[in-house]
Amino acid sequence: MVEGGEAVGCEGRVGGKTMVLRSIIALCLAASPALAAPAPKRPETVPKNAEEFARLPALGQLIEGGAEKDQRFRTYLVKKQPTSKGAITIFVGEVHMRTQEIAGGAPRILKWWYAARCSGAPNTISVTTRNLTPPEKGMMSYSVVPGAEPDPVDRTWYNVWYAVCLEDFNKYPRKQEE
């Protein structure tokens, strides 16, 4: 747009002509409503108890849920894909866990990649994991002994193995200690 031989743009550079400047600003705002008013904020609801936490939208197929120490959590199977069938069956995929401090605060989501070895020699049955969120380079491997009660620290990965390999969800439930 040219005004009196001078270029005029949405930046509002006009040689001292207030009326033209206001017109240009109005034109720019009308052409771009996002600039005219800030976007309304969506109210974020922070769960206040275990019941509200459990009602949050599922991230996938629920594997387990409960509370441990000062955290409530729900673990979901998000992706499952076979990579090996036959004498040795292996699935890979993703597991997401929503956690929240029991004292309050916003929930957060942790994500893992996994490889579950479902069959083979008894000493090879396992789940291997790697954090995706927060990202880590190293992997952890958890041996699984089907039918044996897992240690509390291994309970989540046993539940993942049972859900992935045998479609047995919440095999070793957690107590709601709230």
Protein backbone atom coordinates (compact mmCIF):
# COMPACT_ATOMS: atom_id res chain seq x y z
CA MET A 1 0.00 0.00 0.00
CA VAL A 2 1.41 3.40 -0.93
CA GLU A 3 0.30 6.63 0.78
CA GLY A 4 1.67 9.90 -0.61
CA GLY A 5 4.64 8.14 -2.15
CA GLU A 6 5.47 6.46 1.17
CA ALA A 7 5.15 2.71 1.80
CA VAL A 8 2.76 1.81 4.61
CA GLY A 9 2.55 -1.64 6.19
CA CYS A 10 1.07 -3.31 9.24
CA GLU A 11 4.09 -2.22 11.24
CA GLY A 12 2.50 1.25 11.37
CA ARG A 13 5.31 3.32 9.84
CA VAL A 14 3.60 6.45 8.53
CA GLY A 15 5.23 9.82 8.23
CA GLY A 16 3.38 11.67 11.04
CA LYS A 17 -0.16 11.04 9.86
CA THR A 18 -2.05 9.89 12.97
CA MET A 19 -5.33 9.28 11.18
CA VAL A 20 -3.69 7.03 8.59
CA LEU A 21 -1.77 5.23 11.31
CA ARG A 22 -4.97 4.44 13.25
CA SER A 23 -6.63 3.20 10.06
CA ILE A 24 -3.72 0.93 9.32
CA ILE A 25 -3.66 -0.49 12.85
CA ALA A 26 -7.41 -1.11 12.70
CA LEU A 27 -6.98 -2.79 9.30
CA CYS A 28 -4.16 -4.98 10.61
CA LEU A 29 -6.16 -6.02 13.68
CA ALA A 30 -9.26 -6.71 11.61
CA ALA A 31 -7.22 -8.87 9.24
CA SER A 32 -5.65 -10.75 12.14
CA PRO A 33 -8.17 -11.26 14.97
CA ALA A 34 -5.57 -13.25 16.93
CA LEU A 35 -3.69 -9.98 17.44
CA ALA A 36 -6.79 -8.07 18.51
CA ALA A 37 -7.56 -10.06 21.66
CA PRO A 38 -5.63 -12.62 23.67
CA ALA A 39 -6.87 -16.18 23.38
CA PRO A 40 -9.08 -17.17 26.29
CA LYS A 41 -7.36 -19.46 28.77
CA ARG A 42 -8.89 -22.87 29.26
CA PRO A 43 -9.40 -23.53 32.91
CA GLU A 44 -7.16 -26.35 34.03
CA THR A 45 -8.71 -28.62 36.59
CA VAL A 46 -6.26 -30.20 38.97
CA PRO A 47 -7.60 -33.38 40.56
CA LYS A 48 -8.10 -32.94 44.29
CA ASN A 49 -8.40 -36.64 45.20
CA ALA A 50 -8.00 -40.19 43.84
CA GLU A 51 -11.54 -40.26 42.44
CA GLU A 52 -11.00 -37.12 40.35
CA PHE A 53 -7.57 -38.38 39.28
CA ALA A 54 -9.10 -41.68 38.08
CA ARG A 55 -11.66 -39.74 35.99
CA LEU A 56 -8.99 -38.02 33.88
CA PRO A 57 -9.04 -39.19 30.24
CA ALA A 58 -7.31 -42.52 29.62
CA LEU A 59 -3.96 -42.41 27.84
CA GLY A 60 -4.40 -45.95 26.51
CA GLN A 61 -5.51 -49.29 27.93
CA LEU A 62 -5.26 -49.23 31.74
CA ILE A 63 -2.62 -51.63 33.08
CA GLU A 64 -2.68 -50.64 36.74
CA GLY A 65 -3.51 -47.79 39.06
CA GLY A 66 -3.05 -46.96 42.69
CA ALA A 67 -0.91 -45.10 45.15
CA GLU A 68 2.57 -45.65 46.44
CA LYS A 69 4.33 -43.51 49.03
CA ASP A 70 3.30 -39.91 48.22
CA GLN A 71 2.20 -40.49 44.58
CA ARG A 72 -0.98 -41.66 42.91
CA PHE A 73 -0.56 -43.13 39.44
CA ARG A 74 -2.24 -44.86 36.52
CA THR A 75 -0.20 -46.84 33.98
CA TYR A 76 -1.45 -47.30 30.40
CA LEU A 77 -0.50 -49.53 27.48
CA VAL A 78 -0.30 -47.12 24.54
CA LYS A 79 1.40 -49.15 21.80
CA LYS A 80 2.02 -52.87 21.33
CA GLN A 81 3.64 -54.40 18.26
CA PRO A 82 4.99 -57.93 17.74
CA THR A 83 8.58 -58.14 16.56
CA SER A 84 9.16 -61.86 16.94
CA LYS A 85 6.75 -64.81 16.88
CA GLY A 86 7.27 -68.52 17.31
CA ALA A 87 9.48 -70.15 19.93
CA ILE A 88 10.38 -66.67 21.18
CA THR A 89 7.69 -63.99 21.27
CA ILE A 90 8.70 -60.35 21.75
CA PHE A 91 6.49 -57.26 21.73
CA VAL A 92 7.66 -53.64 21.66
CA GLY A 93 5.69 -50.48 22.33
CA GLU A 94 5.03 -47.64 24.72
CA VAL A 95 3.74 -47.35 28.26
CA HIS A 96 2.58 -44.02 29.68
CA MET A 97 2.09 -43.30 33.36
CA ARG A 98 0.13 -40.36 34.75
CA THR A 99 1.30 -39.42 38.24
CA GLN A 100 0.30 -36.82 40.81
CA GLU A 101 1.55 -36.04 44.28
CA ILE A 102 -1.13 -36.99 46.80
CA ALA A 103 -0.61 -33.62 48.50
CA GLY A 104 -1.75 -31.94 45.27
CA GLY A 105 -0.30 -30.29 42.21
CA ALA A 106 -0.71 -30.82 38.51
CA PRO A 107 -0.50 -34.36 37.13
CA ARG A 108 2.46 -35.22 34.91
CA ILE A 109 2.97 -37.92 32.31
CA LEU A 110 5.97 -40.23 32.14
CA LYS A 111 6.60 -42.30 29.00
CA TRP A 112 8.64 -45.45 28.40
CA TRP A 113 9.55 -47.59 25.41
CA TYR A 114 9.49 -51.29 26.26
CA ALA A 115 10.44 -54.67 24.81
CA ALA A 116 8.66 -57.58 26.49
CA ARG A 117 10.10 -61.04 25.93
CA CYS A 118 7.08 -63.26 26.50
CA SER A 119 8.49 -66.71 25.79
CA GLY A 120 11.77 -68.56 25.65
CA ALA A 121 14.02 -69.99 28.33
CA PRO A 122 12.72 -69.18 31.84
CA ASN A 123 15.75 -67.00 32.65
CA THR A 124 15.10 -64.81 29.58
CA ILE A 125 11.49 -63.79 30.29
CA SER A 126 11.76 -60.04 30.90
CA VAL A 127 10.77 -56.46 30.17
CA THR A 128 13.43 -54.04 28.96
CA THR A 129 12.59 -50.34 29.26
CA ARG A 130 13.97 -46.92 28.33
CA ASN A 131 12.57 -43.58 29.49
CA LEU A 132 11.16 -41.44 26.71
CA THR A 133 9.92 -38.65 29.00
CA PRO A 134 12.18 -37.56 30.57
CA PRO A 135 14.57 -38.95 27.94
CA GLU A 136 17.43 -41.18 29.00
CA LYS A 137 19.99 -43.11 27.00
CA GLY A 138 20.31 -46.17 29.26
CA MET A 139 17.94 -49.11 29.46
CA MET A 140 16.71 -51.16 32.39
CA SER A 141 15.81 -54.82 32.25
CA TYR A 142 13.44 -56.52 34.68
CA SER A 143 13.41 -60.31 34.90
CA VAL A 144 9.91 -61.76 35.20
CA VAL A 145 9.13 -65.06 36.89
CA PRO A 146 5.54 -65.86 35.89
CA GLY A 147 3.45 -66.86 38.91
CA ALA A 148 5.90 -65.44 41.47
CA GLU A 149 4.87 -62.42 43.55
CA PRO A 150 7.08 -59.50 42.44
CA ASP A 151 9.02 -57.23 44.76
CA PRO A 152 7.24 -53.87 45.21
CA VAL A 153 9.89 -52.09 43.12
CA ASP A 154 9.26 -54.48 40.17
CA ARG A 155 5.45 -54.57 40.42
CA THR A 156 4.76 -52.06 37.62
CA TRP A 157 6.98 -53.91 35.14
CA TYR A 158 5.45 -57.27 36.10
CA ASN A 159 2.02 -55.73 35.43
CA VAL A 160 3.28 -54.44 32.07
CA TRP A 161 4.61 -57.89 31.17
CA TYR A 162 1.32 -59.61 32.12
CA ALA A 163 -0.72 -57.02 30.19
CA VAL A 164 1.46 -57.22 27.06
CA CYS A 165 2.20 -60.95 27.01
CA LEU A 166 -0.92 -62.54 28.53
CA GLU A 167 -3.48 -59.69 28.26
CA ASP A 168 -3.94 -59.97 32.03
CA PHE A 169 -4.39 -56.39 33.23
CA ASN A 170 -3.77 -55.30 36.85
CA LYS A 171 -2.36 -58.72 37.74
CA TYR A 172 -0.75 -57.40 40.92
CA PRO A 173 -3.01 -54.58 42.14
CA ARG A 174 -1.79 -51.75 44.34
CA LYS A 175 -3.53 -50.67 47.50
CA GLN A 176 -5.17 -47.24 47.56
CA GLU A 177 -3.49 -45.85 50.66
CA GLU A 178 -5.17 -42.44 50.75
